[in-house]
Amino acid sequence: MAFLKFILVFFIVAFILLLATVYTFFRRIINRAKQFQQRERTRQTQKDGNIIYDSRTPEETRRRIIPDEEGEYVEYEEQAD
């Protein structure tokens, strides 16, 4: 009976260690993915010898600055010469 208790405790401890190892492994993968995404967010553009760093997210980059309902309409007529 003592032997069965020992085996049961051994398997419980082994299972807890296995869960801790799997948790640590996946946590490292998630942290590396976050680091990679942050590096991807910082885009680098070179124009006229100047380097421009853009740390905005792609959603912020695509955001419209002036909405469609704002703005001014200008009537344009061609002049006949």
PDB file of N, CA and C in Angstrom:
ATOM      1  N   MET A   1       0.811  -1.195   0.000  1.00  0.00           N
ATOM      2  CA  MET A   1       0.000   0.000   0.000  1.00  0.00           C
ATOM      3  C   MET A   1       0.856   1.262   0.000  1.00  0.00           C
ATOM      4  N   ALA A   2       1.950   1.246   0.736  1.00  0.00           N
ATOM      5  CA  ALA A   2       2.851   2.395   0.781  1.00  0.00           C
ATOM      6  C   ALA A   2       3.481   2.616  -0.587  1.00  0.00           C
ATOM      7  N   PHE A   3       3.740   1.505  -1.276  1.00  0.00           N
ATOM      8  CA  PHE A   3       4.329   1.609  -2.614  1.00  0.00           C
ATOM      9  C   PHE A   3       3.377   2.307  -3.577  1.00  0.00           C
ATOM     10  N   LEU A   4       2.083   1.987  -3.496  1.00  0.00           N
ATOM     11  CA  LEU A   4       1.090   2.647  -4.365  1.00  0.00           C
ATOM     12  C   LEU A   4       0.973   4.136  -4.056  1.00  0.00           C
ATOM     13  N   LYS A   5       1.042   4.487  -2.773  1.00  0.00           N
ATOM     14  CA  LYS A   5       1.018   5.904  -2.404  1.00  0.00           C
ATOM     15  C   LYS A   5       2.237   6.631  -2.963  1.00  0.00           C
ATOM     16  N   PHE A   6       3.394   5.963  -2.877  1.00  0.00           N
ATOM     17  CA  PHE A   6       4.615   6.548  -3.420  1.00  0.00           C
ATOM     18  C   PHE A   6       4.497   6.780  -4.924  1.00  0.00           C
ATOM     19  N   ILE A   7       3.977   5.806  -5.640  1.00  0.00           N
ATOM     20  CA  ILE A   7       3.810   5.939  -7.092  1.00  0.00           C
ATOM     21  C   ILE A   7       2.803   7.044  -7.413  1.00  0.00           C
ATOM     22  N   LEU A   8       1.711   7.129  -6.670  1.00  0.00           N
ATOM     23  CA  LEU A   8       0.718   8.169  -6.887  1.00  0.00           C
ATOM     24  C   LEU A   8       1.323   9.553  -6.667  1.00  0.00           C
ATOM     25  N   VAL A   9       2.058   9.730  -5.589  1.00  0.00           N
ATOM     26  CA  VAL A   9       2.715  11.017  -5.316  1.00  0.00           C
ATOM     27  C   VAL A   9       3.737  11.322  -6.403  1.00  0.00           C
ATOM     28  N   PHE A  10       4.473  10.287  -6.820  1.00  0.00           N
ATOM     29  CA  PHE A  10       5.472  10.475  -7.870  1.00  0.00           C
ATOM     30  C   PHE A  10       4.808  10.959  -9.166  1.00  0.00           C
ATOM     31  N   PHE A  11       3.704  10.347  -9.568  1.00  0.00           N
ATOM     32  CA  PHE A  11       3.023  10.760 -10.795  1.00  0.00           C
ATOM     33  C   PHE A  11       2.411  12.157 -10.668  1.00  0.00           C
ATOM     34  N   ILE A  12       1.916  12.503  -9.498  1.00  0.00           N
ATOM     35  CA  ILE A  12       1.359  13.851  -9.300  1.00  0.00           C
ATOM     36  C   ILE A  12       2.462  14.900  -9.418  1.00  0.00           C
ATOM     37  N   VAL A  13       3.595  14.646  -8.783  1.00  0.00           N
ATOM     38  CA  VAL A  13       4.727  15.577  -8.864  1.00  0.00           C
ATOM     39  C   VAL A  13       5.241  15.667 -10.296  1.00  0.00           C
ATOM     40  N   ALA A  14       5.348  14.532 -10.979  1.00  0.00           N
ATOM     41  CA  ALA A  14       5.803  14.528 -12.368  1.00  0.00           C
ATOM     42  C   ALA A  14       4.830  15.299 -13.260  1.00  0.00           C
ATOM     43  N   PHE A  15       3.538  15.152 -13.023  1.00  0.00           N
ATOM     44  CA  PHE A  15       2.529  15.861 -13.811  1.00  0.00           C
ATOM     45  C   PHE A  15       2.619  17.368 -13.583  1.00  0.00           C
ATOM     46  N   ILE A  16       2.812  17.782 -12.336  1.00  0.00           N
ATOM     47  CA  ILE A  16       2.954  19.213 -12.027  1.00  0.00           C
ATOM     48  C   ILE A  16       4.216  19.781 -12.688  1.00  0.00           C
ATOM     49  N   LEU A  17       5.305  19.044 -12.641  1.00  0.00           N
ATOM     50  CA  LEU A  17       6.539  19.488 -13.300  1.00  0.00           C
ATOM     51  C   LEU A  17       6.350  19.580 -14.815  1.00  0.00           C
ATOM     52  N   LEU A  18       5.633  18.641 -15.385  1.00  0.00           N
ATOM     53  CA  LEU A  18       5.363  18.670 -16.823  1.00  0.00           C
ATOM     54  C   LEU A  18       4.525  19.900 -17.195  1.00  0.00           C
ATOM     55  N   LEU A  19       3.493  20.187 -16.398  1.00  0.00           N
ATOM     56  CA  LEU A  19       2.674  21.374 -16.652  1.00  0.00           C
ATOM     57  C   LEU A  19       3.497  22.650 -16.534  1.00  0.00           C
ATOM     58  N   ALA A  20       4.369  22.731 -15.534  1.00  0.00           N
ATOM     59  CA  ALA A  20       5.216  23.905 -15.357  1.00  0.00           C
ATOM     60  C   ALA A  20       6.157  24.079 -16.552  1.00  0.00           C
ATOM     61  N   THR A  21       6.692  22.989 -17.048  1.00  0.00           N
ATOM     62  CA  THR A  21       7.590  23.045 -18.202  1.00  0.00           C
ATOM     63  C   THR A  21       6.850  23.502 -19.450  1.00  0.00           C
ATOM     64  N   VAL A  22       5.675  22.968 -19.683  1.00  0.00           N
ATOM     65  CA  VAL A  22       4.879  23.356 -20.855  1.00  0.00           C
ATOM     66  C   VAL A  22       4.479  24.821 -20.751  1.00  0.00           C
ATOM     67  N   TYR A  23       4.070  25.256 -19.555  1.00  0.00           N
ATOM     68  CA  TYR A  23       3.696  26.659 -19.356  1.00  0.00           C
ATOM     69  C   TYR A  23       4.882  27.581 -19.644  1.00  0.00           C
ATOM     70  N   THR A  24       6.056  27.243 -19.120  1.00  0.00           N
ATOM     71  CA  THR A  24       7.256  28.051 -19.360  1.00  0.00           C
ATOM     72  C   THR A  24       7.597  28.096 -20.841  1.00  0.00           C
ATOM     73  N   PHE A  25       7.490  26.983 -21.519  1.00  0.00           N
ATOM     74  CA  PHE A  25       7.787  26.915 -22.954  1.00  0.00           C
ATOM     75  C   PHE A  25       6.859  27.821 -23.750  1.00  0.00           C
ATOM     76  N   PHE A  26       5.551  27.721 -23.509  1.00  0.00           N
ATOM     77  CA  PHE A  26       4.608  28.550 -24.250  1.00  0.00           C
ATOM     78  C   PHE A  26       4.732  30.019 -23.878  1.00  0.00           C
ATOM     79  N   ARG A  27       5.047  30.332 -22.636  1.00  0.00           N
ATOM     80  CA  ARG A  27       5.236  31.713 -22.219  1.00  0.00           C
ATOM     81  C   ARG A  27       6.417  32.322 -22.968  1.00  0.00           C
ATOM     82  N   ARG A  28       7.495  31.563 -23.147  1.00  0.00           N
ATOM     83  CA  ARG A  28       8.650  32.059 -23.904  1.00  0.00           C
ATOM     84  C   ARG A  28       8.285  32.297 -25.367  1.00  0.00           C
ATOM     85  N   ILE A  29       7.509  31.398 -25.941  1.00  0.00           N
ATOM     86  CA  ILE A  29       7.092  31.575 -27.336  1.00  0.00           C
ATOM     87  C   ILE A  29       6.249  32.838 -27.475  1.00  0.00           C
ATOM     88  N   ILE A  30       5.332  33.061 -26.550  1.00  0.00           N
ATOM     89  CA  ILE A  30       4.470  34.250 -26.613  1.00  0.00           C
ATOM     90  C   ILE A  30       5.308  35.513 -26.450  1.00  0.00           C
ATOM     91  N   ASN A  31       6.267  35.525 -25.537  1.00  0.00           N
ATOM     92  CA  ASN A  31       7.127  36.700 -25.354  1.00  0.00           C
ATOM     93  C   ASN A  31       7.959  36.981 -26.598  1.00  0.00           C
ATOM     94  N   ARG A  32       8.480  35.951 -27.224  1.00  0.00           N
ATOM     95  CA  ARG A  32       9.263  36.152 -28.457  1.00  0.00           C
ATOM     96  C   ARG A  32       8.374  36.699 -29.575  1.00  0.00           C
ATOM     97  N   ALA A  33       7.149  36.217 -29.660  1.00  0.00           N
ATOM     98  CA  ALA A  33       6.233  36.711 -30.684  1.00  0.00           C
ATOM     99  C   ALA A  33       5.917  38.189 -30.456  1.00  0.00           C
ATOM    100  N   LYS A  34       5.744  38.592 -29.203  1.00  0.00           N
ATOM    101  CA  LYS A  34       5.486  40.003 -28.901  1.00  0.00           C
ATOM    102  C   LYS A  34       6.691  40.868 -29.277  1.00  0.00           C
ATOM    103  N   GLN A  35       7.890  40.384 -28.990  1.00  0.00           N
ATOM    104  CA  GLN A  35       9.090  41.127 -29.365  1.00  0.00           C
ATOM    105  C   GLN A  35       9.183  41.272 -30.882  1.00  0.00           C
ATOM    106  N   PHE A  36       8.876  40.220 -31.596  1.00  0.00           N
ATOM    107  CA  PHE A  36       8.921  40.261 -33.053  1.00  0.00           C
ATOM    108  C   PHE A  36       7.896  41.247 -33.593  1.00  0.00           C
ATOM    109  N   GLN A  37       6.693  41.256 -33.021  1.00  0.00           N
ATOM    110  CA  GLN A  37       5.660  42.180 -33.480  1.00  0.00           C
ATOM    111  C   GLN A  37       6.058  43.620 -33.216  1.00  0.00           C
ATOM    112  N   GLN A  38       6.709  43.894 -32.103  1.00  0.00           N
ATOM    113  CA  GLN A  38       7.137  45.258 -31.821  1.00  0.00           C
ATOM    114  C   GLN A  38       8.218  45.695 -32.787  1.00  0.00           C
ATOM    115  N   ARG A  39       9.087  44.798 -33.174  1.00  0.00           N
ATOM    116  CA  ARG A  39      10.097  45.141 -34.174  1.00  0.00           C
ATOM    117  C   ARG A  39       9.456  45.395 -35.524  1.00  0.00           C
ATOM    118  N   GLU A  40       8.414  44.645 -35.849  1.00  0.00           N
ATOM    119  CA  GLU A  40       7.723  44.832 -37.118  1.00  0.00           C
ATOM    120  C   GLU A  40       6.983  46.162 -37.150  1.00  0.00           C
ATOM    121  N   ARG A  41       6.507  46.631 -35.997  1.00  0.00           N
ATOM    122  CA  ARG A  41       5.772  47.891 -35.953  1.00  0.00           C
ATOM    123  C   ARG A  41       6.661  49.075 -36.287  1.00  0.00           C
ATOM    124  N   THR A  42       7.927  48.993 -35.919  1.00  0.00           N
ATOM    125  CA  THR A  42       8.842  50.082 -36.193  1.00  0.00           C
ATOM    126  C   THR A  42       9.368  49.913 -37.608  1.00  0.00           C
ATOM    127  N   ARG A  43       8.784  50.660 -38.520  1.00  0.00           N
ATOM    128  CA  ARG A  43       9.211  50.591 -39.905  1.00  0.00           C
ATOM    129  C   ARG A  43      10.229  51.684 -40.164  1.00  0.00           C
ATOM    130  N   GLN A  44      11.088  51.431 -41.089  1.00  0.00           N
ATOM    131  CA  GLN A  44      12.155  52.358 -41.380  1.00  0.00           C
ATOM    132  C   GLN A  44      12.060  52.740 -42.848  1.00  0.00           C
ATOM    133  N   THR A  45      12.008  54.027 -43.103  1.00  0.00           N
ATOM    134  CA  THR A  45      11.930  54.523 -44.465  1.00  0.00           C
ATOM    135  C   THR A  45      13.062  55.510 -44.676  1.00  0.00           C
ATOM    136  N   GLN A  46      13.697  55.407 -45.809  1.00  0.00           N
ATOM    137  CA  GLN A  46      14.797  56.320 -46.092  1.00  0.00           C
ATOM    138  C   GLN A  46      14.408  57.185 -47.283  1.00  0.00           C
ATOM    139  N   LYS A  47      14.488  58.494 -47.088  1.00  0.00           N
ATOM    140  CA  LYS A  47      14.132  59.429 -48.150  1.00  0.00           C
ATOM    141  C   LYS A  47      15.122  60.574 -48.113  1.00  0.00           C
ATOM    142  N   ASP A  48      15.749  60.840 -49.230  1.00  0.00           N
ATOM    143  CA  ASP A  48      16.724  61.930 -49.360  1.00  0.00           C
ATOM    144  C   ASP A  48      17.841  61.830 -48.322  1.00  0.00           C
ATOM    145  N   GLY A  49      18.270  60.638 -48.006  1.00  0.00           N
ATOM    146  CA  GLY A  49      19.348  60.450 -47.053  1.00  0.00           C
ATOM    147  C   GLY A  49      18.920  60.497 -45.608  1.00  0.00           C
ATOM    148  N   ASN A  50      17.671  60.835 -45.335  1.00  0.00           N
ATOM    149  CA  ASN A  50      17.167  60.874 -43.965  1.00  0.00           C
ATOM    150  C   ASN A  50      16.433  59.579 -43.657  1.00  0.00           C
ATOM    151  N   ILE A  51      16.614  59.071 -42.451  1.00  0.00           N
ATOM    152  CA  ILE A  51      15.925  57.857 -42.038  1.00  0.00           C
ATOM    153  C   ILE A  51      14.734  58.261 -41.182  1.00  0.00           C
ATOM    154  N   ILE A  52      13.562  57.745 -41.529  1.00  0.00           N
ATOM    155  CA  ILE A  52      12.333  58.053 -40.816  1.00  0.00           C
ATOM    156  C   ILE A  52      11.859  56.778 -40.131  1.00  0.00           C
ATOM    157  N   TYR A  53      11.692  56.830 -38.815  1.00  0.00           N
ATOM    158  CA  TYR A  53      11.197  55.687 -38.054  1.00  0.00           C
ATOM    159  C   TYR A  53       9.717  55.903 -37.771  1.00  0.00           C
ATOM    160  N   ASP A  54       8.916  54.928 -38.129  1.00  0.00           N
ATOM    161  CA  ASP A  54       7.474  55.003 -37.901  1.00  0.00           C
ATOM    162  C   ASP A  54       7.092  53.899 -36.935  1.00  0.00           C
ATOM    163  N   SER A  55       6.736  54.259 -35.701  1.00  0.00           N
ATOM    164  CA  SER A  55       6.412  53.251 -34.693  1.00  0.00           C
ATOM    165  C   SER A  55       4.914  53.089 -34.506  1.00  0.00           C
ATOM    166  N   ARG A  56       4.121  53.657 -35.430  1.00  0.00           N
ATOM    167  CA  ARG A  56       2.667  53.498 -35.344  1.00  0.00           C
ATOM    168  C   ARG A  56       2.276  52.093 -35.792  1.00  0.00           C
ATOM    169  N   THR A  57       1.136  51.648 -35.282  1.00  0.00           N
ATOM    170  CA  THR A  57       0.617  50.362 -35.720  1.00  0.00           C
ATOM    171  C   THR A  57       0.043  50.524 -37.127  1.00  0.00           C
ATOM    172  N   PRO A  58      -0.119  49.437 -37.878  1.00  0.00           N
ATOM    173  CA  PRO A  58      -0.714  49.556 -39.214  1.00  0.00           C
ATOM    174  C   PRO A  58      -2.112  50.165 -39.184  1.00  0.00           C
ATOM    175  N   GLU A  59      -2.865  49.910 -38.103  1.00  0.00           N
ATOM    176  CA  GLU A  59      -4.205  50.498 -37.994  1.00  0.00           C
ATOM    177  C   GLU A  59      -4.118  52.016 -37.871  1.00  0.00           C
ATOM    178  N   GLU A  60      -3.149  52.488 -37.080  1.00  0.00           N
ATOM    179  CA  GLU A  60      -2.971  53.933 -36.940  1.00  0.00           C
ATOM    180  C   GLU A  60      -2.482  54.552 -38.248  1.00  0.00           C
ATOM    181  N   THR A  61      -1.690  53.824 -38.996  1.00  0.00           N
ATOM    182  CA  THR A  61      -1.176  54.338 -40.253  1.00  0.00           C
ATOM    183  C   THR A  61      -2.298  54.502 -41.272  1.00  0.00           C
ATOM    184  N   ARG A  62      -3.240  53.567 -41.308  1.00  0.00           N
ATOM    185  CA  ARG A  62      -4.342  53.624 -42.273  1.00  0.00           C
ATOM    186  C   ARG A  62      -5.484  54.543 -41.853  1.00  0.00           C
ATOM    187  N   ARG A  63      -5.439  55.062 -40.632  1.00  0.00           N
ATOM    188  CA  ARG A  63      -6.527  55.902 -40.120  1.00  0.00           C
ATOM    189  C   ARG A  63      -6.589  57.198 -40.917  1.00  0.00           C
ATOM    190  N   ARG A  64      -7.802  57.599 -41.251  1.00  0.00           N
ATOM    191  CA  ARG A  64      -8.000  58.845 -41.988  1.00  0.00           C
ATOM    192  C   ARG A  64      -7.813  60.029 -41.051  1.00  0.00           C
ATOM    193  N   ILE A  65      -7.110  61.031 -41.529  1.00  0.00           N
ATOM    194  CA  ILE A  65      -6.864  62.215 -40.719  1.00  0.00           C
ATOM    195  C   ILE A  65      -8.068  63.145 -40.778  1.00  0.00           C
ATOM    196  N   ILE A  66      -8.573  63.367 -41.970  1.00  0.00           N
ATOM    197  CA  ILE A  66      -9.746  64.227 -42.153  1.00  0.00           C
ATOM    198  C   ILE A  66     -10.893  63.353 -42.626  1.00  0.00           C
ATOM    199  N   PRO A  67     -11.988  63.288 -41.859  1.00  0.00           N
ATOM    200  CA  PRO A  67     -13.128  62.458 -42.277  1.00  0.00           C
ATOM    201  C   PRO A  67     -13.776  62.986 -43.556  1.00  0.00           C
ATOM    202  N   ASP A  68     -14.560  62.125 -44.224  1.00  0.00           N
ATOM    203  CA  ASP A  68     -15.208  62.507 -45.473  1.00  0.00           C
ATOM    204  C   ASP A  68     -16.199  63.643 -45.293  1.00  0.00           C
ATOM    205  N   GLU A  69     -16.881  63.699 -44.148  1.00  0.00           N
ATOM    206  CA  GLU A  69     -17.889  64.731 -43.970  1.00  0.00           C
ATOM    207  C   GLU A  69     -17.280  66.116 -43.713  1.00  0.00           C
ATOM    208  N   GLU A  70     -15.991  66.162 -43.424  1.00  0.00           N
ATOM    209  CA  GLU A  70     -15.331  67.448 -43.251  1.00  0.00           C
ATOM    210  C   GLU A  70     -14.622  67.820 -44.547  1.00  0.00           C
ATOM    211  N   GLY A  71     -14.425  69.071 -44.731  1.00  0.00           N
ATOM    212  CA  GLY A  71     -13.705  69.521 -45.907  1.00  0.00           C
ATOM    213  C   GLY A  71     -14.464  70.633 -46.601  1.00  0.00           C
ATOM    214  N   GLU A  72     -13.926  71.075 -47.679  1.00  0.00           N
ATOM    215  CA  GLU A  72     -14.508  72.209 -48.377  1.00  0.00           C
ATOM    216  C   GLU A  72     -14.646  71.857 -49.853  1.00  0.00           C
ATOM    217  N   TYR A  73     -15.786  72.194 -50.415  1.00  0.00           N
ATOM    218  CA  TYR A  73     -16.019  71.955 -51.830  1.00  0.00           C
ATOM    219  C   TYR A  73     -15.733  73.247 -52.585  1.00  0.00           C
ATOM    220  N   VAL A  74     -14.948  73.162 -53.623  1.00  0.00           N
ATOM    221  CA  VAL A  74     -14.599  74.342 -54.411  1.00  0.00           C
ATOM    222  C   VAL A  74     -15.196  74.175 -55.793  1.00  0.00           C
ATOM    223  N   GLU A  75     -15.971  75.134 -56.201  1.00  0.00           N
ATOM    224  CA  GLU A  75     -16.562  75.142 -57.537  1.00  0.00           C
ATOM    225  C   GLU A  75     -15.471  75.515 -58.533  1.00  0.00           C
ATOM    226  N   TYR A  76     -15.348  74.741 -59.573  1.00  0.00           N
ATOM    227  CA  TYR A  76     -14.297  74.994 -60.551  1.00  0.00           C
ATOM    228  C   TYR A  76     -14.924  75.154 -61.914  1.00  0.00           C
ATOM    229  N   GLU A  77     -14.573  76.222 -62.592  1.00  0.00           N
ATOM    230  CA  GLU A  77     -15.041  76.442 -63.947  1.00  0.00           C
ATOM    231  C   GLU A  77     -13.854  76.735 -64.835  1.00  0.00           C
ATOM    232  N   GLU A  78     -13.858  76.132 -66.016  1.00  0.00           N
ATOM    233  CA  GLU A  78     -12.757  76.395 -66.959  1.00  0.00           C
ATOM    234  C   GLU A  78     -13.028  77.698 -67.653  1.00  0.00           C
ATOM    235  N   GLN A  79     -11.947  78.431 -67.878  1.00  0.00           N
ATOM    236  CA  GLN A  79     -12.067  79.715 -68.582  1.00  0.00           C
ATOM    237  C   GLN A  79     -11.794  79.464 -70.060  1.00  0.00           C
ATOM    238  N   ALA A  80     -12.654  80.047 -70.885  1.00  0.00           N
ATOM    239  CA  ALA A  80     -12.474  79.913 -72.328  1.00  0.00           C
ATOM    240  C   ALA A  80     -11.584  81.071 -72.788  1.00  0.00           C
ATOM    241  N   ASP A  81     -10.520  80.777 -73.468  1.00  0.00           N
ATOM    242  CA  ASP A  81      -9.627  81.836 -73.984  1.00  0.00           C
ATOM    243  C   ASP A  81      -9.962  82.222 -75.373  1.00  0.00           C
TER     244      ASP A  81
END
